[in-house]
Amino acid sequence: MTVAERTLWGKLRSRHLGKYKSQRQTSIDNYIVDFYCAEKKLILEIDGDVHGFDRQRWLDQKRQHYLESRGFTVLRFTNVEVKDSIEGVLTSIIQRLERL
């Protein structure tokens, strides 16, 4: 896991983020997602610098479209967002969980 992923995992594990259980590095069909809340079908992806390149953005969009077509919700955050604004990231996650 990257530093950003470890930081977020520390906030998600053991139901630290409300009542919702999260898993990390979970396999869904042919993909491995960073974090997953099965109860709400919410996938969390933490994107590093490589996700800024055209080819990777295209692959991310293809992957996200596939997962959303299967009924999952995908939230993406950058490493920088997690590092610089973890509380804002957590607020966004909680708000989405409560709407699902």
PDB file of N, CA and C in Angstrom:
ATOM      1  N   MET A   1       0.840  -1.191   0.000  1.00  0.00           N
ATOM      2  CA  MET A   1       0.000   0.000   0.000  1.00  0.00           C
ATOM      3  C   MET A   1       0.880   1.248   0.000  1.00  0.00           C
ATOM      4  N   THR A   2       0.360   2.276  -0.625  1.00  0.00           N
ATOM      5  CA  THR A   2       1.061   3.561  -0.624  1.00  0.00           C
ATOM      6  C   THR A   2       0.861   4.238   0.738  1.00  0.00           C
ATOM      7  N   VAL A   3       1.584   5.308   0.969  1.00  0.00           N
ATOM      8  CA  VAL A   3       1.424   6.062   2.213  1.00  0.00           C
ATOM      9  C   VAL A   3      -0.010   6.562   2.330  1.00  0.00           C
ATOM     10  N   ALA A   4      -0.565   7.086   1.247  1.00  0.00           N
ATOM     11  CA  ALA A   4      -1.941   7.585   1.280  1.00  0.00           C
ATOM     12  C   ALA A   4      -2.926   6.457   1.589  1.00  0.00           C
ATOM     13  N   GLU A   5      -2.728   5.293   0.985  1.00  0.00           N
ATOM     14  CA  GLU A   5      -3.604   4.151   1.251  1.00  0.00           C
ATOM     15  C   GLU A   5      -3.501   3.707   2.710  1.00  0.00           C
ATOM     16  N   ARG A   6      -2.288   3.682   3.244  1.00  0.00           N
ATOM     17  CA  ARG A   6      -2.121   3.315   4.664  1.00  0.00           C
ATOM     18  C   ARG A   6      -2.810   4.326   5.578  1.00  0.00           C
ATOM     19  N   THR A   7      -2.699   5.596   5.233  1.00  0.00           N
ATOM     20  CA  THR A   7      -3.344   6.643   6.021  1.00  0.00           C
ATOM     21  C   THR A   7      -4.854   6.452   6.033  1.00  0.00           C
ATOM     22  N   LEU A   8      -5.438   6.255   4.852  1.00  0.00           N
ATOM     23  CA  LEU A   8      -6.878   6.078   4.777  1.00  0.00           C
ATOM     24  C   LEU A   8      -7.309   4.781   5.451  1.00  0.00           C
ATOM     25  N   TRP A   9      -6.534   3.718   5.264  1.00  0.00           N
ATOM     26  CA  TRP A   9      -6.886   2.441   5.887  1.00  0.00           C
ATOM     27  C   TRP A   9      -6.923   2.563   7.407  1.00  0.00           C
ATOM     28  N   GLY A  10      -6.030   3.348   7.967  1.00  0.00           N
ATOM     29  CA  GLY A  10      -6.030   3.566   9.412  1.00  0.00           C
ATOM     30  C   GLY A  10      -7.336   4.198   9.894  1.00  0.00           C
ATOM     31  N   LYS A  11      -7.991   4.959   9.025  1.00  0.00           N
ATOM     32  CA  LYS A  11      -9.265   5.593   9.378  1.00  0.00           C
ATOM     33  C   LYS A  11     -10.467   4.689   9.071  1.00  0.00           C
ATOM     34  N   LEU A  12     -10.306   3.743   8.152  1.00  0.00           N
ATOM     35  CA  LEU A  12     -11.419   2.890   7.732  1.00  0.00           C
ATOM     36  C   LEU A  12     -11.519   1.588   8.520  1.00  0.00           C
ATOM     37  N   ARG A  13     -10.388   1.025   8.890  1.00  0.00           N
ATOM     38  CA  ARG A  13     -10.381  -0.307   9.483  1.00  0.00           C
ATOM     39  C   ARG A  13     -11.074  -0.337  10.841  1.00  0.00           C
ATOM     40  N   SER A  14     -11.508  -1.500  11.194  1.00  0.00           N
ATOM     41  CA  SER A  14     -12.179  -1.736  12.480  1.00  0.00           C
ATOM     42  C   SER A  14     -13.375  -0.815  12.693  1.00  0.00           C
ATOM     43  N   ARG A  15     -14.050  -0.504  11.601  1.00  0.00           N
ATOM     44  CA  ARG A  15     -15.258   0.336  11.642  1.00  0.00           C
ATOM     45  C   ARG A  15     -15.008   1.702  12.292  1.00  0.00           C
ATOM     46  N   HIS A  16     -13.801   2.218  12.157  1.00  0.00           N
ATOM     47  CA  HIS A  16     -13.499   3.545  12.706  1.00  0.00           C
ATOM     48  C   HIS A  16     -14.317   4.625  12.025  1.00  0.00           C
ATOM     49  N   LEU A  17     -14.764   4.354  10.810  1.00  0.00           N
ATOM     50  CA  LEU A  17     -15.542   5.337  10.059  1.00  0.00           C
ATOM     51  C   LEU A  17     -17.019   5.006  10.204  1.00  0.00           C
ATOM     52  N   GLY A  18     -17.568   5.343  11.346  1.00  0.00           N
ATOM     53  CA  GLY A  18     -18.969   5.048  11.597  1.00  0.00           C
ATOM     54  C   GLY A  18     -19.190   3.560  11.778  1.00  0.00           C
ATOM     55  N   LYS A  19     -20.321   3.103  11.365  1.00  0.00           N
ATOM     56  CA  LYS A  19     -20.701   1.708  11.559  1.00  0.00           C
ATOM     57  C   LYS A  19     -20.345   0.825  10.371  1.00  0.00           C
ATOM     58  N   TYR A  20     -19.684   1.376   9.374  1.00  0.00           N
ATOM     59  CA  TYR A  20     -19.470   0.669   8.120  1.00  0.00           C
ATOM     60  C   TYR A  20     -18.163  -0.111   8.111  1.00  0.00           C
ATOM     61  N   LYS A  21     -18.257  -1.355   7.703  1.00  0.00           N
ATOM     62  CA  LYS A  21     -17.084  -2.212   7.604  1.00  0.00           C
ATOM     63  C   LYS A  21     -16.463  -2.050   6.222  1.00  0.00           C
ATOM     64  N   SER A  22     -15.160  -1.896   6.208  1.00  0.00           N
ATOM     65  CA  SER A  22     -14.429  -1.761   4.944  1.00  0.00           C
ATOM     66  C   SER A  22     -13.407  -2.873   4.825  1.00  0.00           C
ATOM     67  N   GLN A  23     -13.132  -3.229   3.595  1.00  0.00           N
ATOM     68  CA  GLN A  23     -12.083  -4.196   3.274  1.00  0.00           C
ATOM     69  C   GLN A  23     -11.064  -3.487   2.391  1.00  0.00           C
ATOM     70  N   ARG A  24      -9.847  -3.985   2.398  1.00  0.00           N
ATOM     71  CA  ARG A  24      -8.845  -3.394   1.508  1.00  0.00           C
ATOM     72  C   ARG A  24      -8.380  -4.432   0.512  1.00  0.00           C
ATOM     73  N   GLN A  25      -7.908  -3.954  -0.622  1.00  0.00           N
ATOM     74  CA  GLN A  25      -7.389  -4.812  -1.684  1.00  0.00           C
ATOM     75  C   GLN A  25      -8.350  -5.976  -1.959  1.00  0.00           C
ATOM     76  N   THR A  26      -9.575  -5.631  -2.317  1.00  0.00           N
ATOM     77  CA  THR A  26     -10.628  -6.609  -2.540  1.00  0.00           C
ATOM     78  C   THR A  26     -10.793  -6.882  -4.023  1.00  0.00           C
ATOM     79  N   SER A  27     -10.970  -8.141  -4.356  1.00  0.00           N
ATOM     80  CA  SER A  27     -11.179  -8.549  -5.740  1.00  0.00           C
ATOM     81  C   SER A  27     -12.664  -8.465  -6.077  1.00  0.00           C
ATOM     82  N   ILE A  28     -12.972  -7.736  -7.136  1.00  0.00           N
ATOM     83  CA  ILE A  28     -14.331  -7.654  -7.672  1.00  0.00           C
ATOM     84  C   ILE A  28     -14.228  -7.961  -9.158  1.00  0.00           C
ATOM     85  N   ASP A  29     -14.787  -9.097  -9.535  1.00  0.00           N
ATOM     86  CA  ASP A  29     -14.657  -9.603 -10.904  1.00  0.00           C
ATOM     87  C   ASP A  29     -13.172  -9.651 -11.264  1.00  0.00           C
ATOM     88  N   ASN A  30     -12.774  -8.978 -12.340  1.00  0.00           N
ATOM     89  CA  ASN A  30     -11.369  -9.039 -12.768  1.00  0.00           C
ATOM     90  C   ASN A  30     -10.523  -7.903 -12.203  1.00  0.00           C
ATOM     91  N   TYR A  31     -11.060  -7.159 -11.279  1.00  0.00           N
ATOM     92  CA  TYR A  31     -10.370  -5.991 -10.744  1.00  0.00           C
ATOM     93  C   TYR A  31     -10.076  -6.156  -9.255  1.00  0.00           C
ATOM     94  N   ILE A  32      -9.022  -5.495  -8.818  1.00  0.00           N
ATOM     95  CA  ILE A  32      -8.726  -5.389  -7.388  1.00  0.00           C
ATOM     96  C   ILE A  32      -8.885  -3.916  -7.043  1.00  0.00           C
ATOM     97  N   VAL A  33      -9.783  -3.654  -6.106  1.00  0.00           N
ATOM     98  CA  VAL A  33     -10.058  -2.275  -5.709  1.00  0.00           C
ATOM     99  C   VAL A  33      -9.304  -1.966  -4.426  1.00  0.00           C
ATOM    100  N   ASP A  34      -9.021  -0.687  -4.217  1.00  0.00           N
ATOM    101  CA  ASP A  34      -8.252  -0.298  -3.033  1.00  0.00           C
ATOM    102  C   ASP A  34      -9.025  -0.584  -1.749  1.00  0.00           C
ATOM    103  N   PHE A  35     -10.268  -0.076  -1.678  1.00  0.00           N
ATOM    104  CA  PHE A  35     -11.095  -0.274  -0.486  1.00  0.00           C
ATOM    105  C   PHE A  35     -12.524  -0.523  -0.921  1.00  0.00           C
ATOM    106  N   TYR A  36     -13.262  -1.308  -0.105  1.00  0.00           N
ATOM    107  CA  TYR A  36     -14.612  -1.685  -0.480  1.00  0.00           C
ATOM    108  C   TYR A  36     -15.490  -1.838   0.748  1.00  0.00           C
ATOM    109  N   CYS A  37     -16.663  -1.227   0.694  1.00  0.00           N
ATOM    110  CA  CYS A  37     -17.690  -1.399   1.721  1.00  0.00           C
ATOM    111  C   CYS A  37     -18.814  -2.203   1.073  1.00  0.00           C
ATOM    112  N   ALA A  38     -18.873  -3.497   1.383  1.00  0.00           N
ATOM    113  CA  ALA A  38     -19.836  -4.405   0.745  1.00  0.00           C
ATOM    114  C   ALA A  38     -21.273  -4.022   1.077  1.00  0.00           C
ATOM    115  N   GLU A  39     -21.521  -3.610   2.304  1.00  0.00           N
ATOM    116  CA  GLU A  39     -22.873  -3.262   2.729  1.00  0.00           C
ATOM    117  C   GLU A  39     -23.504  -2.204   1.821  1.00  0.00           C
ATOM    118  N   LYS A  40     -22.704  -1.263   1.352  1.00  0.00           N
ATOM    119  CA  LYS A  40     -23.197  -0.160   0.527  1.00  0.00           C
ATOM    120  C   LYS A  40     -22.713  -0.231  -0.926  1.00  0.00           C
ATOM    121  N   LYS A  41     -21.949  -1.271  -1.252  1.00  0.00           N
ATOM    122  CA  LYS A  41     -21.386  -1.434  -2.601  1.00  0.00           C
ATOM    123  C   LYS A  41     -20.578  -0.197  -3.020  1.00  0.00           C
ATOM    124  N   LEU A  42     -19.821   0.342  -2.069  1.00  0.00           N
ATOM    125  CA  LEU A  42     -19.004   1.527  -2.306  1.00  0.00           C
ATOM    126  C   LEU A  42     -17.548   1.135  -2.437  1.00  0.00           C
ATOM    127  N   ILE A  43     -16.956   1.551  -3.539  1.00  0.00           N
ATOM    128  CA  ILE A  43     -15.541   1.317  -3.822  1.00  0.00           C
ATOM    129  C   ILE A  43     -14.804   2.641  -3.668  1.00  0.00           C
ATOM    130  N   LEU A  44     -13.674   2.608  -2.968  1.00  0.00           N
ATOM    131  CA  LEU A  44     -12.825   3.783  -2.813  1.00  0.00           C
ATOM    132  C   LEU A  44     -11.508   3.512  -3.524  1.00  0.00           C
ATOM    133  N   GLU A  45     -11.131   4.414  -4.408  1.00  0.00           N
ATOM    134  CA  GLU A  45      -9.873   4.301  -5.133  1.00  0.00           C
ATOM    135  C   GLU A  45      -8.994   5.491  -4.785  1.00  0.00           C
ATOM    136  N   ILE A  46      -7.737   5.220  -4.490  1.00  0.00           N
ATOM    137  CA  ILE A  46      -6.756   6.262  -4.196  1.00  0.00           C
ATOM    138  C   ILE A  46      -5.773   6.296  -5.359  1.00  0.00           C
ATOM    139  N   ASP A  47      -5.755   7.413  -6.064  1.00  0.00           N
ATOM    140  CA  ASP A  47      -4.968   7.531  -7.291  1.00  0.00           C
ATOM    141  C   ASP A  47      -3.667   8.281  -7.059  1.00  0.00           C
ATOM    142  N   GLY A  48      -2.582   7.672  -7.488  1.00  0.00           N
ATOM    143  CA  GLY A  48      -1.272   8.302  -7.446  1.00  0.00           C
ATOM    144  C   GLY A  48      -0.995   9.060  -8.731  1.00  0.00           C
ATOM    145  N   ASP A  49       0.240   9.488  -8.895  1.00  0.00           N
ATOM    146  CA  ASP A  49       0.640  10.308 -10.039  1.00  0.00           C
ATOM    147  C   ASP A  49       0.394   9.621 -11.385  1.00  0.00           C
ATOM    148  N   VAL A  50       0.559   8.324 -11.454  1.00  0.00           N
ATOM    149  CA  VAL A  50       0.422   7.598 -12.711  1.00  0.00           C
ATOM    150  C   VAL A  50      -0.982   7.742 -13.298  1.00  0.00           C
ATOM    151  N   HIS A  51      -1.968   8.010 -12.451  1.00  0.00           N
ATOM    152  CA  HIS A  51      -3.351   8.128 -12.915  1.00  0.00           C
ATOM    153  C   HIS A  51      -3.594   9.425 -13.682  1.00  0.00           C
ATOM    154  N   GLY A  52      -2.609  10.291 -13.754  1.00  0.00           N
ATOM    155  CA  GLY A  52      -2.722  11.522 -14.516  1.00  0.00           C
ATOM    156  C   GLY A  52      -2.383  11.363 -15.984  1.00  0.00           C
ATOM    157  N   PHE A  53      -1.780  10.239 -16.361  1.00  0.00           N
ATOM    158  CA  PHE A  53      -1.416  10.001 -17.754  1.00  0.00           C
ATOM    159  C   PHE A  53      -2.637   9.567 -18.558  1.00  0.00           C
ATOM    160  N   ASP A  54      -2.680   9.987 -19.825  1.00  0.00           N
ATOM    161  CA  ASP A  54      -3.844   9.722 -20.673  1.00  0.00           C
ATOM    162  C   ASP A  54      -4.243   8.260 -20.694  1.00  0.00           C
ATOM    163  N   ARG A  55      -3.304   7.364 -20.914  1.00  0.00           N
ATOM    164  CA  ARG A  55      -3.622   5.935 -21.012  1.00  0.00           C
ATOM    165  C   ARG A  55      -4.230   5.426 -19.697  1.00  0.00           C
ATOM    166  N   GLN A  56      -3.641   5.822 -18.579  1.00  0.00           N
ATOM    167  CA  GLN A  56      -4.150   5.355 -17.286  1.00  0.00           C
ATOM    168  C   GLN A  56      -5.526   5.943 -16.989  1.00  0.00           C
ATOM    169  N   ARG A  57      -5.728   7.220 -17.368  1.00  0.00           N
ATOM    170  CA  ARG A  57      -7.056   7.827 -17.182  1.00  0.00           C
ATOM    171  C   ARG A  57      -8.107   7.058 -17.977  1.00  0.00           C
ATOM    172  N   TRP A  58      -7.757   6.673 -19.198  1.00  0.00           N
ATOM    173  CA  TRP A  58      -8.679   5.904 -20.040  1.00  0.00           C
ATOM    174  C   TRP A  58      -8.982   4.544 -19.397  1.00  0.00           C
ATOM    175  N   LEU A  59      -7.958   3.867 -18.891  1.00  0.00           N
ATOM    176  CA  LEU A  59      -8.162   2.575 -18.226  1.00  0.00           C
ATOM    177  C   LEU A  59      -9.010   2.736 -16.961  1.00  0.00           C
ATOM    178  N   ASP A  60      -8.765   3.806 -16.203  1.00  0.00           N
ATOM    179  CA  ASP A  60      -9.551   4.071 -14.993  1.00  0.00           C
ATOM    180  C   ASP A  60     -11.020   4.310 -15.343  1.00  0.00           C
ATOM    181  N   GLN A  61     -11.265   5.077 -16.395  1.00  0.00           N
ATOM    182  CA  GLN A  61     -12.642   5.352 -16.817  1.00  0.00           C
ATOM    183  C   GLN A  61     -13.342   4.075 -17.269  1.00  0.00           C
ATOM    184  N   LYS A  62     -12.640   3.250 -18.014  1.00  0.00           N
ATOM    185  CA  LYS A  62     -13.199   1.977 -18.484  1.00  0.00           C
ATOM    186  C   LYS A  62     -13.550   1.092 -17.283  1.00  0.00           C
ATOM    187  N   ARG A  63     -12.637   0.997 -16.356  1.00  0.00           N
ATOM    188  CA  ARG A  63     -12.838   0.190 -15.148  1.00  0.00           C
ATOM    189  C   ARG A  63     -14.009   0.721 -14.329  1.00  0.00           C
ATOM    190  N   GLN A  64     -14.040   2.040 -14.124  1.00  0.00           N
ATOM    191  CA  GLN A  64     -15.109   2.644 -13.335  1.00  0.00           C
ATOM    192  C   GLN A  64     -16.463   2.432 -14.013  1.00  0.00           C
ATOM    193  N   HIS A  65     -16.531   2.604 -15.308  1.00  0.00           N
ATOM    194  CA  HIS A  65     -17.787   2.382 -16.035  1.00  0.00           C
ATOM    195  C   HIS A  65     -18.265   0.942 -15.843  1.00  0.00           C
ATOM    196  N   TYR A  66     -17.354  -0.005 -15.956  1.00  0.00           N
ATOM    197  CA  TYR A  66     -17.722  -1.408 -15.776  1.00  0.00           C
ATOM    198  C   TYR A  66     -18.271  -1.645 -14.368  1.00  0.00           C
ATOM    199  N   LEU A  67     -17.554  -1.169 -13.359  1.00  0.00           N
ATOM    200  CA  LEU A  67     -17.978  -1.387 -11.973  1.00  0.00           C
ATOM    201  C   LEU A  67     -19.325  -0.720 -11.694  1.00  0.00           C
ATOM    202  N   GLU A  68     -19.504   0.496 -12.199  1.00  0.00           N
ATOM    203  CA  GLU A  68     -20.778   1.185 -11.990  1.00  0.00           C
ATOM    204  C   GLU A  68     -21.913   0.466 -12.722  1.00  0.00           C
ATOM    205  N   SER A  69     -21.624  -0.135 -13.871  1.00  0.00           N
ATOM    206  CA  SER A  69     -22.654  -0.887 -14.594  1.00  0.00           C
ATOM    207  C   SER A  69     -23.084  -2.134 -13.827  1.00  0.00           C
ATOM    208  N   ARG A  70     -22.257  -2.577 -12.895  1.00  0.00           N
ATOM    209  CA  ARG A  70     -22.562  -3.734 -12.052  1.00  0.00           C
ATOM    210  C   ARG A  70     -23.199  -3.319 -10.720  1.00  0.00           C
ATOM    211  N   GLY A  71     -23.508  -2.014 -10.572  1.00  0.00           N
ATOM    212  CA  GLY A  71     -24.213  -1.547  -9.385  1.00  0.00           C
ATOM    213  C   GLY A  71     -23.341  -0.997  -8.281  1.00  0.00           C
ATOM    214  N   PHE A  72     -22.046  -0.856  -8.529  1.00  0.00           N
ATOM    215  CA  PHE A  72     -21.138  -0.305  -7.528  1.00  0.00           C
ATOM    216  C   PHE A  72     -21.058   1.211  -7.685  1.00  0.00           C
ATOM    217  N   THR A  73     -20.767   1.898  -6.592  1.00  0.00           N
ATOM    218  CA  THR A  73     -20.458   3.318  -6.620  1.00  0.00           C
ATOM    219  C   THR A  73     -18.958   3.446  -6.396  1.00  0.00           C
ATOM    220  N   VAL A  74     -18.309   4.275  -7.203  1.00  0.00           N
ATOM    221  CA  VAL A  74     -16.854   4.437  -7.107  1.00  0.00           C
ATOM    222  C   VAL A  74     -16.544   5.884  -6.731  1.00  0.00           C
ATOM    223  N   LEU A  75     -15.789   6.046  -5.661  1.00  0.00           N
ATOM    224  CA  LEU A  75     -15.266   7.361  -5.273  1.00  0.00           C
ATOM    225  C   LEU A  75     -13.763   7.344  -5.463  1.00  0.00           C
ATOM    226  N   ARG A  76     -13.248   8.374  -6.090  1.00  0.00           N
ATOM    227  CA  ARG A  76     -11.800   8.475  -6.312  1.00  0.00           C
ATOM    228  C   ARG A  76     -11.244   9.687  -5.569  1.00  0.00           C
ATOM    229  N   PHE A  77     -10.096   9.475  -4.980  1.00  0.00           N
ATOM    230  CA  PHE A  77      -9.360  10.545  -4.328  1.00  0.00           C
ATOM    231  C   PHE A  77      -7.904  10.420  -4.767  1.00  0.00           C
ATOM    232  N   THR A  78      -7.205  11.529  -4.787  1.00  0.00           N
ATOM    233  CA  THR A  78      -5.783  11.486  -5.111  1.00  0.00           C
ATOM    234  C   THR A  78      -4.970  11.289  -3.828  1.00  0.00           C
ATOM    235  N   ASN A  79      -3.739  10.855  -4.019  1.00  0.00           N
ATOM    236  CA  ASN A  79      -2.816  10.754  -2.885  1.00  0.00           C
ATOM    237  C   ASN A  79      -2.715  12.099  -2.169  1.00  0.00           C
ATOM    238  N   VAL A  80      -2.664  13.181  -2.947  1.00  0.00           N
ATOM    239  CA  VAL A  80      -2.526  14.528  -2.382  1.00  0.00           C
ATOM    240  C   VAL A  80      -3.738  14.879  -1.526  1.00  0.00           C
ATOM    241  N   GLU A  81      -4.948  14.549  -2.002  1.00  0.00           N
ATOM    242  CA  GLU A  81      -6.152  14.835  -1.211  1.00  0.00           C
ATOM    243  C   GLU A  81      -6.106  14.107   0.130  1.00  0.00           C
ATOM    244  N   VAL A  82      -5.706  12.840   0.098  1.00  0.00           N
ATOM    245  CA  VAL A  82      -5.635  12.067   1.342  1.00  0.00           C
ATOM    246  C   VAL A  82      -4.581  12.661   2.263  1.00  0.00           C
ATOM    247  N   LYS A  83      -3.450  13.024   1.703  1.00  0.00           N
ATOM    248  CA  LYS A  83      -2.352  13.565   2.511  1.00  0.00           C
ATOM    249  C   LYS A  83      -2.690  14.941   3.084  1.00  0.00           C
ATOM    250  N   ASP A  84      -3.250  15.822   2.252  1.00  0.00           N
ATOM    251  CA  ASP A  84      -3.453  17.211   2.658  1.00  0.00           C
ATOM    252  C   ASP A  84      -4.807  17.492   3.299  1.00  0.00           C
ATOM    253  N   SER A  85      -5.789  16.605   3.071  1.00  0.00           N
ATOM    254  CA  SER A  85      -7.134  16.893   3.559  1.00  0.00           C
ATOM    255  C   SER A  85      -7.874  15.614   3.938  1.00  0.00           C
ATOM    256  N   ILE A  86      -7.280  14.831   4.815  1.00  0.00           N
ATOM    257  CA  ILE A  86      -7.883  13.549   5.198  1.00  0.00           C
ATOM    258  C   ILE A  86      -9.279  13.751   5.787  1.00  0.00           C
ATOM    259  N   GLU A  87      -9.476  14.806   6.553  1.00  0.00           N
ATOM    260  CA  GLU A  87     -10.802  15.040   7.142  1.00  0.00           C
ATOM    261  C   GLU A  87     -11.845  15.328   6.059  1.00  0.00           C
ATOM    262  N   GLY A  88     -11.462  16.067   5.033  1.00  0.00           N
ATOM    263  CA  GLY A  88     -12.372  16.326   3.919  1.00  0.00           C
ATOM    264  C   GLY A  88     -12.702  15.053   3.162  1.00  0.00           C
ATOM    265  N   VAL A  89     -11.710  14.196   2.972  1.00  0.00           N
ATOM    266  CA  VAL A  89     -11.923  12.909   2.316  1.00  0.00           C
ATOM    267  C   VAL A  89     -12.885  12.062   3.135  1.00  0.00           C
ATOM    268  N   LEU A  90     -12.660  11.989   4.435  1.00  0.00           N
ATOM    269  CA  LEU A  90     -13.530  11.194   5.308  1.00  0.00           C
ATOM    270  C   LEU A  90     -14.957  11.733   5.317  1.00  0.00           C
ATOM    271  N   THR A  91     -15.103  13.040   5.310  1.00  0.00           N
ATOM    272  CA  THR A  91     -16.436  13.636   5.260  1.00  0.00           C
ATOM    273  C   THR A  91     -17.142  13.249   3.964  1.00  0.00           C
ATOM    274  N   SER A  92     -16.437  13.301   2.848  1.00  0.00           N
ATOM    275  CA  SER A  92     -17.020  12.909   1.557  1.00  0.00           C
ATOM    276  C   SER A  92     -17.455  11.448   1.570  1.00  0.00           C
ATOM    277  N   ILE A  93     -16.637  10.591   2.160  1.00  0.00           N
ATOM    278  CA  ILE A  93     -16.955   9.171   2.210  1.00  0.00           C
ATOM    279  C   ILE A  93     -18.199   8.934   3.078  1.00  0.00           C
ATOM    280  N   ILE A  94     -18.227   9.547   4.247  1.00  0.00           N
ATOM    281  CA  ILE A  94     -19.377   9.383   5.144  1.00  0.00           C
ATOM    282  C   ILE A  94     -20.655   9.887   4.482  1.00  0.00           C
ATOM    283  N   GLN A  95     -20.585  11.048   3.853  1.00  0.00           N
ATOM    284  CA  GLN A  95     -21.773  11.592   3.175  1.00  0.00           C
ATOM    285  C   GLN A  95     -22.279  10.647   2.104  1.00  0.00           C
ATOM    286  N   ARG A  96     -21.378  10.054   1.339  1.00  0.00           N
ATOM    287  CA  ARG A  96     -21.807   9.131   0.292  1.00  0.00           C
ATOM    288  C   ARG A  96     -22.383   7.865   0.893  1.00  0.00           C
ATOM    289  N   LEU A  97     -21.744   7.333   1.924  1.00  0.00           N
ATOM    290  CA  LEU A  97     -22.262   6.126   2.579  1.00  0.00           C
ATOM    291  C   LEU A  97     -23.678   6.344   3.092  1.00  0.00           C
ATOM    292  N   GLU A  98     -23.930   7.500   3.638  1.00  0.00           N
ATOM    293  CA  GLU A  98     -25.248   7.768   4.210  1.00  0.00           C
ATOM    294  C   GLU A  98     -26.309   7.965   3.133  1.00  0.00           C
ATOM    295  N   ARG A  99     -25.900   8.326   1.908  1.00  0.00           N
ATOM    296  CA  ARG A  99     -26.862   8.485   0.812  1.00  0.00           C
ATOM    297  C   ARG A  99     -27.141   7.184   0.066  1.00  0.00           C
ATOM    298  N   LEU A 100     -26.288   6.186   0.253  1.00  0.00           N
ATOM    299  CA  LEU A 100     -26.463   4.925  -0.484  1.00  0.00           C
ATOM    300  C   LEU A 100     -27.431   4.021   0.233  1.00  0.00           C
TER     301      LEU A 100
END
